[in-house]
Amino acid sequence: MIIGRLGDLVIHEIEKPGPSSYATGGSDITIEEVSEVISILSVSITGGYYAPAADASASGNTVKVKVYEFNYPATAAGAATEVAAGTDLSGETVKLVILAK
């Protein structure tokens, strides 16, 4: 869905299902609605996972999204860790806000 314009570029809000088998280093999400992603403004994922825009990258119309989880007891504190390779995230929704052509 187009939510804004910036000159000849558009700001899109896109929702896609998560990957059925997460890849270490991030999983690719192809965005058919655009020809080229210029900038990734925001990334989020449901299910309590964390997907920072700063760790996402784009090539053409594909965005690589790196997903993290806080995998420790609620009584402890620690850093988020990348989701294990092969994790099924297909039941989750990835939301992207991008600047694109």
N, C-alpha and C. Protein backbone atom coordinates (compact mmCIF):
# COMPACT_ATOMS: atom_id res chain seq x y z
N MET A 1 0.84 -1.16 0.00
CA MET A 1 0.00 0.00 0.00
C MET A 1 0.89 1.24 0.00
N ILE A 2 0.64 2.14 -0.90
CA ILE A 2 1.38 3.40 -0.95
C ILE A 2 0.85 4.31 0.15
N ILE A 3 1.77 4.81 0.99
CA ILE A 3 1.35 5.71 2.07
C ILE A 3 1.92 7.11 1.90
N GLY A 4 2.74 7.32 0.87
CA GLY A 4 3.28 8.65 0.62
C GLY A 4 4.14 8.69 -0.62
N ARG A 5 4.51 9.88 -1.01
CA ARG A 5 5.39 10.08 -2.17
C ARG A 5 6.48 11.08 -1.81
N LEU A 6 7.63 10.89 -2.43
CA LEU A 6 8.76 11.79 -2.25
C LEU A 6 9.38 11.96 -3.62
N GLY A 7 8.97 13.01 -4.33
CA GLY A 7 9.39 13.19 -5.72
C GLY A 7 8.88 12.04 -6.56
N ASP A 8 9.77 11.36 -7.29
CA ASP A 8 9.35 10.23 -8.11
C ASP A 8 9.42 8.90 -7.35
N LEU A 9 9.70 8.96 -6.05
CA LEU A 9 9.75 7.76 -5.21
C LEU A 9 8.45 7.62 -4.41
N VAL A 10 8.17 6.40 -4.00
CA VAL A 10 6.97 6.15 -3.20
C VAL A 10 7.35 5.51 -1.87
N ILE A 11 6.55 5.80 -0.86
CA ILE A 11 6.71 5.16 0.44
C ILE A 11 5.64 4.08 0.52
N HIS A 12 6.07 2.85 0.67
CA HIS A 12 5.17 1.70 0.72
C HIS A 12 5.16 1.11 2.12
N GLU A 13 3.98 0.66 2.53
CA GLU A 13 3.86 -0.18 3.72
C GLU A 13 3.48 -1.56 3.19
N ILE A 14 4.31 -2.54 3.47
CA ILE A 14 4.15 -3.89 2.92
C ILE A 14 4.04 -4.88 4.07
N GLU A 15 3.12 -5.83 3.96
CA GLU A 15 3.03 -6.94 4.91
C GLU A 15 3.21 -8.25 4.15
N LYS A 16 4.12 -9.07 4.64
CA LYS A 16 4.43 -10.36 4.02
C LYS A 16 4.51 -11.42 5.10
N PRO A 17 4.21 -12.67 4.76
CA PRO A 17 4.40 -13.75 5.74
C PRO A 17 5.88 -13.96 6.00
N GLY A 18 6.20 -14.40 7.21
CA GLY A 18 7.58 -14.73 7.54
C GLY A 18 8.03 -15.96 6.77
N PRO A 19 9.32 -16.24 6.76
CA PRO A 19 9.84 -17.40 6.02
C PRO A 19 9.48 -18.71 6.71
N SER A 20 9.29 -19.76 5.92
CA SER A 20 8.99 -21.08 6.49
C SER A 20 10.25 -21.74 7.03
N SER A 21 11.42 -21.27 6.58
CA SER A 21 12.69 -21.78 7.08
C SER A 21 13.68 -20.62 7.11
N TYR A 22 13.86 -20.03 8.28
CA TYR A 22 14.73 -18.86 8.43
C TYR A 22 16.17 -19.22 8.07
N ALA A 23 16.85 -18.32 7.38
CA ALA A 23 18.26 -18.51 7.00
C ALA A 23 19.16 -17.68 7.91
N THR A 24 20.24 -18.27 8.40
CA THR A 24 21.19 -17.53 9.22
C THR A 24 21.67 -16.30 8.44
N GLY A 25 21.70 -15.17 9.11
CA GLY A 25 22.11 -13.93 8.47
C GLY A 25 20.95 -13.16 7.87
N GLY A 26 19.77 -13.74 7.89
CA GLY A 26 18.58 -13.06 7.41
C GLY A 26 17.93 -13.76 6.24
N SER A 27 16.62 -13.65 6.17
CA SER A 27 15.85 -14.25 5.08
C SER A 27 15.40 -13.17 4.11
N ASP A 28 15.35 -13.55 2.83
CA ASP A 28 14.97 -12.62 1.78
C ASP A 28 13.46 -12.53 1.64
N ILE A 29 12.99 -11.30 1.48
CA ILE A 29 11.58 -11.05 1.19
C ILE A 29 11.54 -10.24 -0.10
N THR A 30 10.91 -10.81 -1.12
CA THR A 30 10.78 -10.13 -2.40
C THR A 30 9.52 -9.28 -2.39
N ILE A 31 9.67 -8.05 -2.85
CA ILE A 31 8.55 -7.10 -2.87
C ILE A 31 8.19 -6.84 -4.33
N GLU A 32 7.20 -7.58 -4.80
CA GLU A 32 6.80 -7.52 -6.21
C GLU A 32 6.23 -6.16 -6.61
N GLU A 33 5.73 -5.41 -5.65
CA GLU A 33 5.08 -4.13 -5.93
C GLU A 33 6.03 -3.03 -6.39
N VAL A 34 7.34 -3.23 -6.23
CA VAL A 34 8.32 -2.21 -6.57
C VAL A 34 9.42 -2.78 -7.45
N SER A 35 10.15 -1.89 -8.14
CA SER A 35 11.27 -2.35 -8.95
C SER A 35 12.59 -2.27 -8.20
N GLU A 36 12.68 -1.30 -7.25
CA GLU A 36 13.92 -1.15 -6.48
C GLU A 36 13.63 -0.51 -5.13
N VAL A 37 14.16 -1.12 -4.08
CA VAL A 37 14.06 -0.55 -2.73
C VAL A 37 15.24 0.40 -2.55
N ILE A 38 14.93 1.64 -2.26
CA ILE A 38 15.97 2.67 -2.07
C ILE A 38 16.41 2.71 -0.60
N SER A 39 15.43 2.62 0.31
CA SER A 39 15.74 2.71 1.74
C SER A 39 14.70 1.92 2.53
N ILE A 40 15.16 1.29 3.61
CA ILE A 40 14.28 0.57 4.52
C ILE A 40 14.06 1.47 5.72
N LEU A 41 12.83 1.94 5.89
CA LEU A 41 12.53 2.90 6.95
C LEU A 41 12.17 2.21 8.26
N SER A 42 11.49 1.07 8.17
CA SER A 42 11.04 0.38 9.37
C SER A 42 10.78 -1.08 9.06
N VAL A 43 11.06 -1.94 10.05
CA VAL A 43 10.78 -3.38 9.94
C VAL A 43 10.21 -3.83 11.28
N SER A 44 9.18 -4.66 11.23
CA SER A 44 8.68 -5.29 12.45
C SER A 44 8.18 -6.68 12.10
N ILE A 45 8.07 -7.52 13.12
CA ILE A 45 7.56 -8.89 12.93
C ILE A 45 6.74 -9.25 14.16
N THR A 46 5.66 -9.98 13.94
CA THR A 46 4.79 -10.39 15.04
C THR A 46 5.43 -11.53 15.84
N GLY A 47 4.76 -11.94 16.89
CA GLY A 47 5.19 -13.11 17.66
C GLY A 47 6.23 -12.82 18.72
N GLY A 48 6.47 -11.54 19.02
CA GLY A 48 7.46 -11.21 20.04
C GLY A 48 8.89 -11.20 19.53
N TYR A 49 9.07 -11.37 18.23
CA TYR A 49 10.40 -11.31 17.64
C TYR A 49 10.79 -9.86 17.39
N TYR A 50 12.06 -9.64 17.10
CA TYR A 50 12.62 -8.30 16.89
C TYR A 50 13.36 -8.30 15.56
N ALA A 51 13.04 -7.35 14.69
CA ALA A 51 13.69 -7.25 13.38
C ALA A 51 14.06 -5.79 13.13
N PRO A 52 15.24 -5.37 13.57
CA PRO A 52 15.61 -3.96 13.42
C PRO A 52 15.89 -3.56 11.97
N ALA A 53 15.40 -2.41 11.59
CA ALA A 53 15.64 -1.89 10.24
C ALA A 53 17.13 -1.70 9.99
N ALA A 54 17.89 -1.39 11.03
CA ALA A 54 19.33 -1.16 10.88
C ALA A 54 20.06 -2.42 10.41
N ASP A 55 19.50 -3.59 10.68
CA ASP A 55 20.13 -4.85 10.27
C ASP A 55 19.58 -5.39 8.96
N ALA A 56 18.59 -4.72 8.39
CA ALA A 56 18.02 -5.15 7.11
C ALA A 56 18.83 -4.53 5.97
N SER A 57 18.81 -5.20 4.81
CA SER A 57 19.50 -4.68 3.64
C SER A 57 18.63 -4.94 2.41
N ALA A 58 18.88 -4.16 1.36
CA ALA A 58 18.09 -4.29 0.14
C ALA A 58 18.99 -4.46 -1.08
N SER A 59 18.49 -5.23 -2.03
CA SER A 59 19.13 -5.39 -3.33
C SER A 59 18.01 -5.54 -4.35
N GLY A 60 17.88 -4.57 -5.25
CA GLY A 60 16.77 -4.58 -6.20
C GLY A 60 15.46 -4.48 -5.45
N ASN A 61 14.56 -5.43 -5.68
CA ASN A 61 13.28 -5.40 -4.98
C ASN A 61 13.21 -6.47 -3.88
N THR A 62 14.37 -6.87 -3.38
CA THR A 62 14.45 -7.87 -2.32
C THR A 62 15.06 -7.27 -1.07
N VAL A 63 14.42 -7.54 0.07
CA VAL A 63 14.92 -7.06 1.36
C VAL A 63 15.32 -8.27 2.19
N LYS A 64 16.53 -8.24 2.74
CA LYS A 64 17.00 -9.29 3.65
C LYS A 64 16.71 -8.81 5.07
N VAL A 65 15.89 -9.59 5.79
CA VAL A 65 15.47 -9.23 7.14
C VAL A 65 16.10 -10.18 8.13
N LYS A 66 16.81 -9.62 9.10
CA LYS A 66 17.44 -10.40 10.16
C LYS A 66 16.51 -10.37 11.38
N VAL A 67 16.18 -11.55 11.92
CA VAL A 67 15.21 -11.66 13.01
C VAL A 67 15.90 -12.15 14.28
N TYR A 68 15.54 -11.52 15.39
CA TYR A 68 16.11 -11.85 16.70
C TYR A 68 15.00 -12.25 17.66
N GLU A 69 15.40 -12.94 18.72
CA GLU A 69 14.47 -13.26 19.81
C GLU A 69 15.18 -13.06 21.14
N PHE A 70 14.39 -12.85 22.16
CA PHE A 70 14.90 -12.73 23.52
C PHE A 70 14.65 -14.07 24.18
N ASN A 71 15.60 -14.99 24.05
CA ASN A 71 15.41 -16.38 24.42
C ASN A 71 16.02 -16.68 25.80
N TYR A 72 15.40 -16.12 26.85
CA TYR A 72 15.85 -16.37 28.20
C TYR A 72 14.66 -16.12 29.14
N PRO A 73 14.72 -16.59 30.38
CA PRO A 73 13.60 -16.43 31.30
C PRO A 73 13.28 -14.96 31.57
N ALA A 74 12.02 -14.68 31.86
CA ALA A 74 11.59 -13.31 32.14
C ALA A 74 12.30 -12.70 33.34
N THR A 75 12.83 -13.55 34.22
CA THR A 75 13.53 -13.05 35.41
C THR A 75 14.97 -12.68 35.13
N ALA A 76 15.45 -12.97 33.93
CA ALA A 76 16.83 -12.67 33.55
C ALA A 76 16.84 -11.56 32.51
N ALA A 77 17.99 -11.05 32.26
CA ALA A 77 18.15 -10.03 31.22
C ALA A 77 19.31 -10.44 30.33
N GLY A 78 19.22 -10.05 29.08
CA GLY A 78 20.29 -10.38 28.16
C GLY A 78 20.02 -9.80 26.80
N ALA A 79 20.98 -9.98 25.94
CA ALA A 79 20.86 -9.45 24.58
C ALA A 79 19.99 -10.37 23.73
N ALA A 80 19.38 -9.80 22.70
CA ALA A 80 18.63 -10.60 21.74
C ALA A 80 19.60 -11.45 20.94
N THR A 81 19.16 -12.64 20.56
CA THR A 81 19.99 -13.53 19.74
C THR A 81 19.26 -13.81 18.43
N GLU A 82 20.04 -14.01 17.37
CA GLU A 82 19.42 -14.30 16.08
C GLU A 82 18.65 -15.61 16.15
N VAL A 83 17.51 -15.64 15.50
CA VAL A 83 16.68 -16.84 15.42
C VAL A 83 17.51 -17.95 14.78
N ALA A 84 17.34 -19.17 15.25
CA ALA A 84 18.09 -20.31 14.72
C ALA A 84 17.72 -20.60 13.27
N ALA A 85 18.70 -21.02 12.50
CA ALA A 85 18.47 -21.42 11.11
C ALA A 85 17.41 -22.52 11.08
N GLY A 86 16.51 -22.42 10.11
CA GLY A 86 15.47 -23.42 9.95
C GLY A 86 14.19 -23.13 10.73
N THR A 87 14.21 -22.10 11.59
CA THR A 87 13.01 -21.77 12.36
C THR A 87 11.87 -21.39 11.42
N ASP A 88 10.69 -21.95 11.67
CA ASP A 88 9.51 -21.67 10.86
C ASP A 88 8.83 -20.40 11.39
N LEU A 89 8.90 -19.34 10.61
CA LEU A 89 8.27 -18.07 10.96
C LEU A 89 7.09 -17.77 10.04
N SER A 90 6.60 -18.78 9.33
CA SER A 90 5.53 -18.56 8.35
C SER A 90 4.21 -18.14 8.99
N GLY A 91 4.04 -18.38 10.27
CA GLY A 91 2.85 -17.95 10.97
C GLY A 91 2.93 -16.51 11.45
N GLU A 92 4.07 -15.88 11.23
CA GLU A 92 4.28 -14.48 11.64
C GLU A 92 4.13 -13.55 10.44
N THR A 93 3.91 -12.29 10.71
CA THR A 93 3.79 -11.29 9.65
C THR A 93 4.93 -10.29 9.77
N VAL A 94 5.63 -10.07 8.67
CA VAL A 94 6.69 -9.08 8.60
C VAL A 94 6.09 -7.82 7.97
N LYS A 95 6.25 -6.69 8.65
CA LYS A 95 5.76 -5.42 8.11
C LYS A 95 6.97 -4.55 7.80
N LEU A 96 7.01 -4.03 6.58
CA LEU A 96 8.10 -3.17 6.12
C LEU A 96 7.54 -1.83 5.69
N VAL A 97 8.24 -0.78 6.00
CA VAL A 97 7.97 0.54 5.42
C VAL A 97 9.24 0.89 4.64
N ILE A 98 9.07 1.09 3.34
CA ILE A 98 10.22 1.29 2.46
C ILE A 98 10.03 2.50 1.56
N LEU A 99 11.13 3.06 1.13
CA LEU A 99 11.15 4.08 0.09
C LEU A 99 11.62 3.37 -1.18
N ALA A 100 10.84 3.46 -2.25
CA ALA A 100 11.15 2.64 -3.41
C ALA A 100 10.78 3.33 -4.73
N LYS A 101 11.28 2.72 -5.82
CA LYS A 101 10.93 3.13 -7.18
C LYS A 101 9.85 2.21 -7.68
